[in-house]
Amino acid sequence: MTRIISEWDVTGKGDYVLTLNNPIPKGHYNRYRIDGKDYAIVPVHFSNIDTFCTVGIKAHNKLNFIGKQIEFVTV
């Protein structure tokens, strides 16, 4: 089970970078599901963070994702 261990709203407009407790699984998916809600994938390009355990999402409201389970979904 993959959980979110930290979050940053990098733009102040709902573009979140989430750090996970496990590496991102290999496979094809086009959404992330957190608390039953699907979120669009936002590309993340940083040279100084562990990209194997980091995902980007677009959320329209200020939310707290820390401690929540994340699923990798194909819609």
Protein backbone atom coordinates (compact mmCIF):
# COMPACT_ATOMS: atom_id res chain seq x y z
CA MET A 1 0.00 0.00 0.00
CA THR A 2 1.48 3.32 -1.05
CA ARG A 3 0.92 6.35 1.17
CA ILE A 4 1.74 10.03 0.87
CA ILE A 5 4.40 11.18 3.33
CA SER A 6 4.79 14.83 2.33
CA GLU A 7 3.21 17.44 0.08
CA TRP A 8 4.08 20.81 -1.44
CA ASP A 9 1.72 23.17 -3.22
CA VAL A 10 4.47 24.39 -5.53
CA THR A 11 2.51 27.13 -7.31
CA GLY A 12 0.07 28.20 -4.61
CA LYS A 13 -2.65 27.35 -7.14
CA GLY A 14 -3.17 23.65 -6.46
CA ASP A 15 -0.22 22.09 -8.27
CA TYR A 16 1.01 19.59 -5.70
CA VAL A 17 4.16 17.54 -5.51
CA LEU A 18 3.59 14.48 -3.33
CA THR A 19 6.32 12.28 -1.86
CA LEU A 20 5.39 8.62 -1.41
CA ASN A 21 6.60 5.96 1.00
CA ASN A 22 7.19 3.51 -1.89
CA PRO A 23 8.47 3.93 -5.45
CA ILE A 24 5.92 4.60 -8.18
CA PRO A 25 4.81 1.26 -9.65
CA LYS A 26 5.72 0.47 -13.22
CA GLY A 27 2.80 0.26 -15.61
CA HIS A 28 0.34 2.36 -17.54
CA TYR A 29 -1.97 4.69 -15.65
CA ASN A 30 -3.36 8.14 -16.34
CA ARG A 31 -4.80 9.26 -13.01
CA TYR A 32 -4.08 9.07 -9.32
CA ARG A 33 -6.86 8.24 -6.86
CA ILE A 34 -6.75 9.64 -3.33
CA ASP A 35 -9.69 9.24 -0.93
CA GLY A 36 -11.88 8.01 -3.79
CA LYS A 37 -11.27 11.10 -5.93
CA ASP A 38 -9.31 11.02 -9.18
CA TYR A 39 -6.62 13.61 -9.89
CA ALA A 40 -4.89 14.50 -13.13
CA ILE A 41 -1.19 13.79 -13.43
CA VAL A 42 1.09 16.83 -13.55
CA PRO A 43 4.63 16.25 -14.85
CA VAL A 44 7.31 16.82 -12.20
CA HIS A 45 10.85 17.77 -13.23
CA PHE A 46 13.24 18.43 -10.35
CA SER A 47 16.89 17.49 -10.25
CA ASN A 48 17.21 17.47 -6.48
CA ILE A 49 14.36 15.17 -5.37
CA ASP A 50 13.80 11.43 -5.56
CA THR A 51 11.61 11.17 -8.66
CA PHE A 52 11.04 7.44 -8.10
CA CYS A 53 8.90 8.33 -5.06
CA THR A 54 7.42 11.64 -6.25
CA VAL A 55 4.26 12.45 -8.20
CA GLY A 56 2.59 15.67 -9.31
CA ILE A 57 -1.16 16.29 -9.24
CA LYS A 58 -3.57 19.11 -9.93
CA ALA A 59 -6.05 19.80 -7.11
CA HIS A 60 -8.42 22.77 -7.19
CA ASN A 61 -8.74 23.21 -3.43
CA LYS A 62 -6.26 23.32 -0.56
CA LEU A 63 -6.18 19.76 0.69
CA ASN A 64 -4.16 17.66 3.10
CA PHE A 65 -2.89 14.49 1.44
CA ILE A 66 -0.35 13.42 4.07
CA GLY A 67 -0.96 9.89 5.36
CA LYS A 68 -3.52 9.05 2.69
CA GLN A 69 -3.31 6.08 0.34
CA ILE A 70 -2.68 6.75 -3.35
CA GLU A 71 -3.80 4.44 -6.16
CA PHE A 72 -2.51 4.44 -9.72
CA VAL A 73 -5.55 4.24 -12.03
CA THR A 74 -6.22 3.66 -15.72
CA VAL A 75 -9.46 5.32 -16.78
